């Protein structure tokens, strides 16, 4: 009998452990608005922040003023940086638009609970805000929304 007891695993649940759980930080917060409806906020900590140091750019431009090849390269880099900043800004606006549409579609759920949760698919959201389904898919991938209902 002791042999059988020693053969048992004292921690049988360890076989099912998947590692440490990561905490989830919501990208979008939904809170009741004092005027009625819902207030949607994008967590600024979840988005990258890019700035162009204009002083440094002006200094480097001044130093390379005689070399048109270097100047063209710097201009291209500045143009690419500005494009990236605009793209990130557009992405943030799209996230807010998608979140606002989800909140609009699920207003009854937010007001009254899970019994009022409606099925919602990418196409419905995409059509409502005028973007392609793939855009909604990319924007919502690995994103979390914190609402009063969870």
N, C-alpha and C. Protein backbone atom coordinates (compact mmCIF):
# COMPACT_ATOMS: atom_id res chain seq x y z
N UNK A 1 0.82 -1.18 0.00
CA UNK A 1 0.00 0.00 0.00
C UNK A 1 0.87 1.26 0.00
N UNK A 2 1.94 1.31 0.75
CA UNK A 2 2.85 2.46 0.78
C UNK A 2 3.47 2.68 -0.59
N UNK A 3 3.75 1.60 -1.29
CA UNK A 3 4.31 1.71 -2.64
C UNK A 3 3.32 2.43 -3.58
N UNK A 4 2.05 2.12 -3.46
CA UNK A 4 1.01 2.76 -4.29
C UNK A 4 0.85 4.24 -3.93
N UNK A 5 0.92 4.55 -2.63
CA UNK A 5 0.79 5.94 -2.19
C UNK A 5 1.97 6.77 -2.70
N UNK A 6 3.19 6.21 -2.62
CA UNK A 6 4.37 6.93 -3.10
C UNK A 6 4.33 7.14 -4.61
N UNK A 7 3.64 6.30 -5.32
CA UNK A 7 3.54 6.43 -6.78
C UNK A 7 2.57 7.53 -7.19
N UNK A 8 1.73 7.99 -6.27
CA UNK A 8 0.77 9.04 -6.59
C UNK A 8 1.46 10.40 -6.71
N UNK A 9 0.90 11.24 -7.53
CA UNK A 9 1.42 12.60 -7.72
C UNK A 9 0.80 13.51 -6.66
N UNK A 10 1.62 14.15 -5.80
CA UNK A 10 1.05 15.00 -4.75
C UNK A 10 0.46 16.30 -5.30
N UNK A 11 0.80 16.65 -6.54
CA UNK A 11 0.28 17.88 -7.15
C UNK A 11 -0.24 17.56 -8.56
N UNK A 12 -1.35 16.87 -8.64
CA UNK A 12 -1.84 16.44 -9.96
C UNK A 12 -2.27 17.59 -10.87
N UNK A 13 -2.59 18.73 -10.31
CA UNK A 13 -3.02 19.87 -11.13
C UNK A 13 -1.88 20.52 -11.90
N UNK A 14 -0.63 20.25 -11.51
CA UNK A 14 0.51 20.85 -12.21
C UNK A 14 0.56 20.46 -13.68
N UNK A 15 -0.01 19.34 -14.03
CA UNK A 15 -0.02 18.91 -15.44
C UNK A 15 -0.82 19.87 -16.30
N UNK A 16 -1.74 20.57 -15.70
CA UNK A 16 -2.63 21.45 -16.46
C UNK A 16 -2.21 22.92 -16.39
N UNK A 17 -1.17 23.21 -15.64
CA UNK A 17 -0.72 24.59 -15.49
C UNK A 17 -0.13 25.08 -16.81
N UNK A 18 -0.51 26.28 -17.18
CA UNK A 18 -0.01 26.83 -18.44
C UNK A 18 1.00 27.95 -18.21
N UNK A 19 1.47 28.13 -17.02
CA UNK A 19 2.43 29.19 -16.74
C UNK A 19 1.77 30.33 -16.00
N UNK A 20 2.54 31.37 -15.82
CA UNK A 20 2.03 32.54 -15.10
C UNK A 20 0.99 33.27 -15.93
N UNK A 21 -0.05 33.72 -15.28
CA UNK A 21 -1.09 34.49 -15.97
C UNK A 21 -0.63 35.94 -16.12
N UNK A 22 -0.85 36.48 -17.29
CA UNK A 22 -0.51 37.88 -17.52
C UNK A 22 -1.74 38.74 -17.23
N UNK A 23 -1.50 39.86 -16.59
CA UNK A 23 -2.63 40.76 -16.36
C UNK A 23 -2.94 41.49 -17.65
N UNK A 24 -4.20 41.81 -17.84
CA UNK A 24 -4.65 42.46 -19.07
C UNK A 24 -4.88 43.94 -18.77
N UNK A 25 -4.31 44.77 -19.61
CA UNK A 25 -4.50 46.22 -19.49
C UNK A 25 -5.46 46.63 -20.60
N UNK A 26 -6.61 47.20 -20.24
CA UNK A 26 -7.57 47.58 -21.29
C UNK A 26 -7.05 48.71 -22.16
N UNK A 27 -7.34 48.62 -23.44
CA UNK A 27 -6.96 49.66 -24.39
C UNK A 27 -8.00 50.77 -24.42
N UNK A 28 -9.24 50.41 -24.14
CA UNK A 28 -10.35 51.36 -24.19
C UNK A 28 -11.15 51.26 -22.90
N UNK A 29 -11.49 52.41 -22.35
CA UNK A 29 -12.34 52.47 -21.16
C UNK A 29 -13.69 53.03 -21.56
N UNK A 30 -14.74 52.40 -21.06
CA UNK A 30 -16.10 52.88 -21.30
C UNK A 30 -16.71 53.18 -19.94
N UNK A 31 -17.13 54.43 -19.77
CA UNK A 31 -17.73 54.85 -18.50
C UNK A 31 -19.03 55.60 -18.79
N UNK A 32 -19.95 55.57 -17.84
CA UNK A 32 -21.19 56.34 -18.04
C UNK A 32 -20.87 57.84 -18.12
N UNK A 33 -21.49 58.51 -19.06
CA UNK A 33 -21.30 59.95 -19.22
C UNK A 33 -22.29 60.69 -18.33
N UNK A 34 -21.88 61.79 -17.70
CA UNK A 34 -22.80 62.56 -16.87
C UNK A 34 -24.01 63.09 -17.65
N UNK A 35 -23.84 63.30 -18.96
CA UNK A 35 -24.95 63.80 -19.79
C UNK A 35 -25.82 62.67 -20.31
N UNK A 36 -25.52 61.45 -19.93
CA UNK A 36 -26.23 60.29 -20.47
C UNK A 36 -25.40 59.65 -21.56
N UNK A 37 -25.64 58.41 -21.82
CA UNK A 37 -24.84 57.71 -22.82
C UNK A 37 -23.53 57.23 -22.22
N UNK A 38 -22.53 57.09 -23.08
CA UNK A 38 -21.27 56.50 -22.66
C UNK A 38 -20.10 57.36 -23.11
N UNK A 39 -19.09 57.39 -22.27
CA UNK A 39 -17.85 58.09 -22.60
C UNK A 39 -16.81 57.04 -22.95
N UNK A 40 -16.14 57.20 -24.07
CA UNK A 40 -15.16 56.23 -24.54
C UNK A 40 -13.80 56.91 -24.55
N UNK A 41 -12.85 56.29 -23.84
CA UNK A 41 -11.50 56.85 -23.76
C UNK A 41 -10.49 55.80 -24.18
N UNK A 42 -9.54 56.22 -24.96
CA UNK A 42 -8.44 55.35 -25.36
C UNK A 42 -7.32 55.54 -24.35
N UNK A 43 -6.81 54.45 -23.81
CA UNK A 43 -5.73 54.53 -22.84
C UNK A 43 -4.46 54.99 -23.56
N UNK A 44 -3.96 56.19 -23.26
CA UNK A 44 -2.78 56.68 -23.97
C UNK A 44 -1.54 55.85 -23.71
N UNK A 45 -1.52 55.12 -22.60
CA UNK A 45 -0.35 54.31 -22.28
C UNK A 45 -0.21 53.10 -23.20
N UNK A 46 -1.28 52.71 -23.88
CA UNK A 46 -1.22 51.54 -24.75
C UNK A 46 -0.79 51.89 -26.17
N UNK A 47 -0.65 53.17 -26.47
CA UNK A 47 -0.27 53.60 -27.82
C UNK A 47 1.15 54.14 -27.82
N UNK A 48 1.90 53.87 -28.89
CA UNK A 48 3.25 54.45 -28.97
C UNK A 48 3.18 55.96 -29.18
N UNK A 49 4.15 56.64 -28.64
CA UNK A 49 4.22 58.09 -28.79
C UNK A 49 5.49 58.42 -29.57
N UNK A 50 5.32 59.08 -30.68
CA UNK A 50 6.46 59.47 -31.50
C UNK A 50 6.45 60.97 -31.69
N UNK A 51 7.61 61.57 -31.55
CA UNK A 51 7.77 62.99 -31.79
C UNK A 51 9.03 63.19 -32.62
N UNK A 52 9.03 64.21 -33.41
CA UNK A 52 10.22 64.56 -34.19
C UNK A 52 10.89 65.73 -33.48
N UNK A 53 12.16 65.57 -33.21
CA UNK A 53 12.93 66.63 -32.58
C UNK A 53 13.31 67.63 -33.67
N UNK A 54 12.53 68.70 -33.77
CA UNK A 54 12.73 69.69 -34.83
C UNK A 54 14.06 70.42 -34.68
N UNK A 55 14.50 70.63 -33.45
CA UNK A 55 15.78 71.31 -33.22
C UNK A 55 16.92 70.46 -33.78
N UNK A 56 16.88 69.17 -33.48
CA UNK A 56 17.92 68.27 -33.98
C UNK A 56 17.86 68.18 -35.50
N UNK A 57 16.66 68.09 -36.04
CA UNK A 57 16.51 68.03 -37.50
C UNK A 57 17.07 69.29 -38.16
N UNK A 58 16.78 70.45 -37.59
CA UNK A 58 17.29 71.71 -38.14
C UNK A 58 18.81 71.75 -38.09
N UNK A 59 19.38 71.27 -36.99
CA UNK A 59 20.84 71.27 -36.85
C UNK A 59 21.49 70.34 -37.88
N UNK A 60 20.95 69.15 -38.02
CA UNK A 60 21.50 68.20 -39.00
C UNK A 60 21.31 68.73 -40.42
N UNK A 61 20.18 69.34 -40.68
CA UNK A 61 19.93 69.92 -42.00
C UNK A 61 20.93 71.03 -42.30
N UNK A 62 21.22 71.84 -41.30
CA UNK A 62 22.19 72.93 -41.48
C UNK A 62 23.57 72.37 -41.80
N UNK A 63 23.93 71.27 -41.13
CA UNK A 63 25.26 70.68 -41.34
C UNK A 63 25.38 69.99 -42.69
N UNK A 64 24.27 69.56 -43.26
CA UNK A 64 24.33 68.85 -44.55
C UNK A 64 23.82 69.70 -45.70
N UNK A 65 23.74 71.00 -45.50
CA UNK A 65 23.17 71.89 -46.52
C UNK A 65 23.95 71.85 -47.83
N UNK A 66 25.26 71.60 -47.79
CA UNK A 66 26.07 71.60 -49.00
C UNK A 66 25.93 70.30 -49.79
N UNK A 67 25.48 69.23 -49.15
CA UNK A 67 25.40 67.93 -49.82
C UNK A 67 23.93 67.61 -50.14
N UNK A 68 23.58 67.74 -51.40
CA UNK A 68 22.17 67.56 -51.78
C UNK A 68 21.71 66.11 -51.60
N UNK A 69 22.64 65.16 -51.72
CA UNK A 69 22.28 63.75 -51.53
C UNK A 69 21.90 63.49 -50.07
N UNK A 70 22.71 64.02 -49.16
CA UNK A 70 22.40 63.87 -47.73
C UNK A 70 21.12 64.61 -47.37
N UNK A 71 20.94 65.78 -47.95
CA UNK A 71 19.73 66.57 -47.68
C UNK A 71 18.48 65.83 -48.16
N UNK A 72 18.58 65.21 -49.33
CA UNK A 72 17.44 64.44 -49.86
C UNK A 72 17.13 63.26 -48.95
N UNK A 73 18.18 62.62 -48.44
CA UNK A 73 17.98 61.50 -47.52
C UNK A 73 17.28 61.97 -46.24
N UNK A 74 17.73 63.09 -45.68
CA UNK A 74 17.10 63.63 -44.47
C UNK A 74 15.65 64.01 -44.71
N UNK A 75 15.38 64.62 -45.87
CA UNK A 75 14.00 64.98 -46.20
C UNK A 75 13.12 63.74 -46.30
N UNK A 76 13.66 62.68 -46.89
CA UNK A 76 12.90 61.43 -47.01
C UNK A 76 12.63 60.83 -45.63
N UNK A 77 13.64 60.87 -44.77
CA UNK A 77 13.46 60.35 -43.40
C UNK A 77 12.40 61.15 -42.65
N UNK A 78 12.43 62.47 -42.79
CA UNK A 78 11.42 63.31 -42.14
C UNK A 78 10.03 63.00 -42.68
N UNK A 79 9.94 62.83 -43.98
CA UNK A 79 8.65 62.51 -44.60
C UNK A 79 8.13 61.16 -44.09
N UNK A 80 9.02 60.17 -43.99
CA UNK A 80 8.62 58.85 -43.48
C UNK A 80 8.19 58.93 -42.02
N UNK A 81 8.90 59.72 -41.23
CA UNK A 81 8.55 59.86 -39.81
C UNK A 81 7.19 60.53 -39.67
N UNK A 82 6.96 61.57 -40.45
CA UNK A 82 5.65 62.25 -40.41
C UNK A 82 4.53 61.32 -40.85
N UNK A 83 4.78 60.50 -41.86
CA UNK A 83 3.79 59.53 -42.32
C UNK A 83 3.46 58.53 -41.21
N UNK A 84 4.50 58.04 -40.51
CA UNK A 84 4.29 57.08 -39.43
C UNK A 84 3.47 57.71 -38.30
N UNK A 85 3.76 58.94 -37.95
CA UNK A 85 3.02 59.63 -36.90
C UNK A 85 1.55 59.79 -37.30
N UNK A 86 1.31 60.19 -38.55
CA UNK A 86 -0.08 60.33 -39.03
C UNK A 86 -0.79 58.97 -39.03
N UNK A 87 -0.08 57.92 -39.40
CA UNK A 87 -0.67 56.58 -39.43
C UNK A 87 -1.06 56.12 -38.03
N UNK A 88 -0.21 56.38 -37.05
CA UNK A 88 -0.52 56.01 -35.67
C UNK A 88 -1.71 56.81 -35.14
N UNK A 89 -1.78 58.07 -35.53
CA UNK A 89 -2.92 58.91 -35.13
C UNK A 89 -4.21 58.37 -35.76
N UNK A 90 -4.14 58.00 -37.03
CA UNK A 90 -5.31 57.44 -37.72
C UNK A 90 -5.73 56.13 -37.06
N UNK A 91 -4.76 55.32 -36.67
CA UNK A 91 -5.05 54.04 -36.00
C UNK A 91 -5.80 54.29 -34.69
N UNK A 92 -5.35 55.26 -33.92
CA UNK A 92 -6.01 55.58 -32.66
C UNK A 92 -7.45 56.04 -32.91
N UNK A 93 -7.64 56.87 -33.92
CA UNK A 93 -9.00 57.34 -34.25
C UNK A 93 -9.89 56.18 -34.69
N UNK A 94 -9.32 55.24 -35.43
CA UNK A 94 -10.10 54.08 -35.87
C UNK A 94 -10.47 53.20 -34.69
N UNK A 95 -9.56 53.02 -33.75
CA UNK A 95 -9.87 52.23 -32.55
C UNK A 95 -11.04 52.87 -31.80
N UNK A 96 -11.02 54.18 -31.65
CA UNK A 96 -12.11 54.87 -30.95
C UNK A 96 -13.42 54.73 -31.72
N UNK A 97 -13.37 54.85 -33.06
CA UNK A 97 -14.59 54.70 -33.87
C UNK A 97 -15.18 53.31 -33.71
N UNK A 98 -14.33 52.29 -33.76
CA UNK A 98 -14.81 50.91 -33.61
C UNK A 98 -15.38 50.71 -32.21
N UNK A 99 -14.69 51.20 -31.20
CA UNK A 99 -15.18 51.07 -29.82
C UNK A 99 -16.52 51.78 -29.65
N UNK A 100 -16.64 52.96 -30.23
CA UNK A 100 -17.90 53.71 -30.13
C UNK A 100 -19.04 52.95 -30.79
N UNK A 101 -18.77 52.32 -31.92
CA UNK A 101 -19.82 51.56 -32.60
C UNK A 101 -20.20 50.31 -31.80
N UNK A 102 -19.22 49.64 -31.23
CA UNK A 102 -19.52 48.47 -30.39
C UNK A 102 -20.38 48.90 -29.20
N UNK A 103 -20.02 50.00 -28.58
CA UNK A 103 -20.80 50.50 -27.44
C UNK A 103 -22.21 50.87 -27.89
N UNK A 104 -22.32 51.51 -29.05
CA UNK A 104 -23.65 51.88 -29.56
C UNK A 104 -24.49 50.63 -29.80
N UNK A 105 -23.89 49.61 -30.40
CA UNK A 105 -24.62 48.38 -30.71
C UNK A 105 -24.97 47.59 -29.45
N UNK A 106 -24.14 47.72 -28.42
CA UNK A 106 -24.35 46.92 -27.20
C UNK A 106 -24.84 47.78 -26.03
N UNK A 107 -25.49 48.89 -26.33
CA UNK A 107 -25.99 49.79 -25.29
C UNK A 107 -26.90 49.08 -24.29
N UNK A 108 -27.79 48.23 -24.78
CA UNK A 108 -28.71 47.52 -23.88
C UNK A 108 -27.95 46.61 -22.92
N UNK A 109 -26.90 45.98 -23.41
CA UNK A 109 -26.06 45.14 -22.55
C UNK A 109 -25.42 45.99 -21.45
N UNK A 110 -24.87 47.12 -21.84
CA UNK A 110 -24.21 47.98 -20.86
C UNK A 110 -25.19 48.52 -19.83
N UNK A 111 -26.41 48.81 -20.26
CA UNK A 111 -27.42 49.35 -19.35
C UNK A 111 -28.05 48.28 -18.46
N UNK A 112 -28.36 47.11 -19.05
CA UNK A 112 -29.21 46.14 -18.35
C UNK A 112 -28.58 44.78 -18.07
N UNK A 113 -27.43 44.49 -18.63
CA UNK A 113 -26.77 43.24 -18.30
C UNK A 113 -26.69 42.24 -19.43
N UNK A 114 -26.14 41.09 -19.11
CA UNK A 114 -25.79 40.08 -20.10
C UNK A 114 -26.98 39.53 -20.87
N UNK A 115 -28.15 39.57 -20.31
CA UNK A 115 -29.34 39.07 -21.01
C UNK A 115 -29.62 39.90 -22.27
N UNK A 116 -29.08 41.10 -22.34
CA UNK A 116 -29.32 41.99 -23.48
C UNK A 116 -28.13 42.05 -24.45
N UNK A 117 -27.17 41.16 -24.27
CA UNK A 117 -26.01 41.10 -25.16
C UNK A 117 -26.44 40.61 -26.53
N UNK A 118 -26.09 41.35 -27.57
CA UNK A 118 -26.49 41.01 -28.94
C UNK A 118 -25.31 40.43 -29.71
N UNK A 119 -25.56 39.49 -30.60
CA UNK A 119 -24.48 39.01 -31.47
C UNK A 119 -24.00 40.17 -32.35
N UNK A 120 -22.71 40.25 -32.55
CA UNK A 120 -22.14 41.34 -33.33
C UNK A 120 -20.97 40.78 -34.12
N UNK A 121 -20.92 41.08 -35.41
CA UNK A 121 -19.80 40.58 -36.20
C UNK A 121 -19.02 41.74 -36.83
N UNK A 122 -17.89 41.40 -37.43
CA UNK A 122 -17.01 42.41 -38.01
C UNK A 122 -17.71 43.22 -39.09
N UNK A 123 -18.47 42.54 -39.93
CA UNK A 123 -19.13 43.22 -41.05
C UNK A 123 -20.10 44.30 -40.56
N UNK A 124 -20.86 43.99 -39.52
CA UNK A 124 -21.82 44.96 -38.98
C UNK A 124 -21.11 46.23 -38.53
N UNK A 125 -20.03 46.05 -37.79
CA UNK A 125 -19.26 47.21 -37.30
C UNK A 125 -18.62 47.94 -38.47
N UNK A 126 -18.01 47.20 -39.39
CA UNK A 126 -17.33 47.81 -40.54
C UNK A 126 -18.29 48.63 -41.38
N UNK A 127 -19.46 48.07 -41.68
CA UNK A 127 -20.45 48.79 -42.48
C UNK A 127 -20.93 50.06 -41.77
N UNK A 128 -21.09 49.97 -40.47
CA UNK A 128 -21.61 51.12 -39.71
C UNK A 128 -20.62 52.29 -39.69
N UNK A 129 -19.32 52.00 -39.69
CA UNK A 129 -18.34 53.10 -39.61
C UNK A 129 -17.64 53.36 -40.94
N UNK A 130 -17.99 52.59 -41.97
CA UNK A 130 -17.47 52.86 -43.30
C UNK A 130 -16.05 52.43 -43.55
N UNK A 131 -15.65 51.29 -42.99
CA UNK A 131 -14.33 50.73 -43.26
C UNK A 131 -14.49 49.27 -43.67
N UNK A 132 -13.39 48.66 -44.10
CA UNK A 132 -13.42 47.26 -44.49
C UNK A 132 -13.39 46.37 -43.25
N UNK A 133 -13.95 45.17 -43.40
CA UNK A 133 -13.95 44.20 -42.29
C UNK A 133 -12.55 43.93 -41.77
N UNK A 134 -11.58 43.85 -42.68
CA UNK A 134 -10.20 43.54 -42.26
C UNK A 134 -9.65 44.65 -41.36
N UNK A 135 -10.07 45.87 -41.59
CA UNK A 135 -9.64 46.98 -40.73
C UNK A 135 -10.17 46.78 -39.32
N UNK A 136 -11.43 46.43 -39.21
CA UNK A 136 -12.03 46.18 -37.89
C UNK A 136 -11.33 44.99 -37.23
N UNK A 137 -11.03 43.97 -38.00
CA UNK A 137 -10.34 42.80 -37.47
C UNK A 137 -8.97 43.18 -36.91
N UNK A 138 -8.20 43.94 -37.67
CA UNK A 138 -6.86 44.34 -37.21
C UNK A 138 -6.94 45.24 -35.99
N UNK A 139 -7.90 46.16 -36.00
CA UNK A 139 -8.02 47.11 -34.90
C UNK A 139 -8.44 46.42 -33.61
N UNK A 140 -9.26 45.39 -33.71
CA UNK A 140 -9.75 44.72 -32.50
C UNK A 140 -8.88 43.56 -32.04
N UNK A 141 -7.92 43.17 -32.86
CA UNK A 141 -7.06 42.04 -32.51
C UNK A 141 -6.22 42.38 -31.28
N UNK A 142 -6.30 41.54 -30.28
CA UNK A 142 -5.56 41.70 -29.02
C UNK A 142 -5.87 43.02 -28.31
N UNK A 143 -7.08 43.48 -28.43
CA UNK A 143 -7.51 44.70 -27.76
C UNK A 143 -8.56 44.34 -26.71
N UNK A 144 -8.59 45.12 -25.64
CA UNK A 144 -9.53 44.87 -24.56
C UNK A 144 -10.24 46.16 -24.20
N UNK A 145 -11.51 46.01 -23.83
CA UNK A 145 -12.34 47.15 -23.46
C UNK A 145 -12.83 46.93 -22.03
N UNK A 146 -12.65 47.93 -21.20
CA UNK A 146 -13.14 47.87 -19.82
C UNK A 146 -14.46 48.64 -19.76
N UNK A 147 -15.52 47.94 -19.37
CA UNK A 147 -16.84 48.56 -19.25
C UNK A 147 -17.34 48.37 -17.83
N UNK A 148 -18.40 49.06 -17.45
CA UNK A 148 -18.98 48.82 -16.12
C UNK A 148 -19.44 47.37 -15.94
N UNK A 149 -19.64 46.64 -17.03
CA UNK A 149 -20.06 45.25 -16.95
C UNK A 149 -18.89 44.28 -17.04
N UNK A 150 -17.69 44.80 -17.09
CA UNK A 150 -16.52 43.93 -17.20
C UNK A 150 -15.80 44.08 -18.49
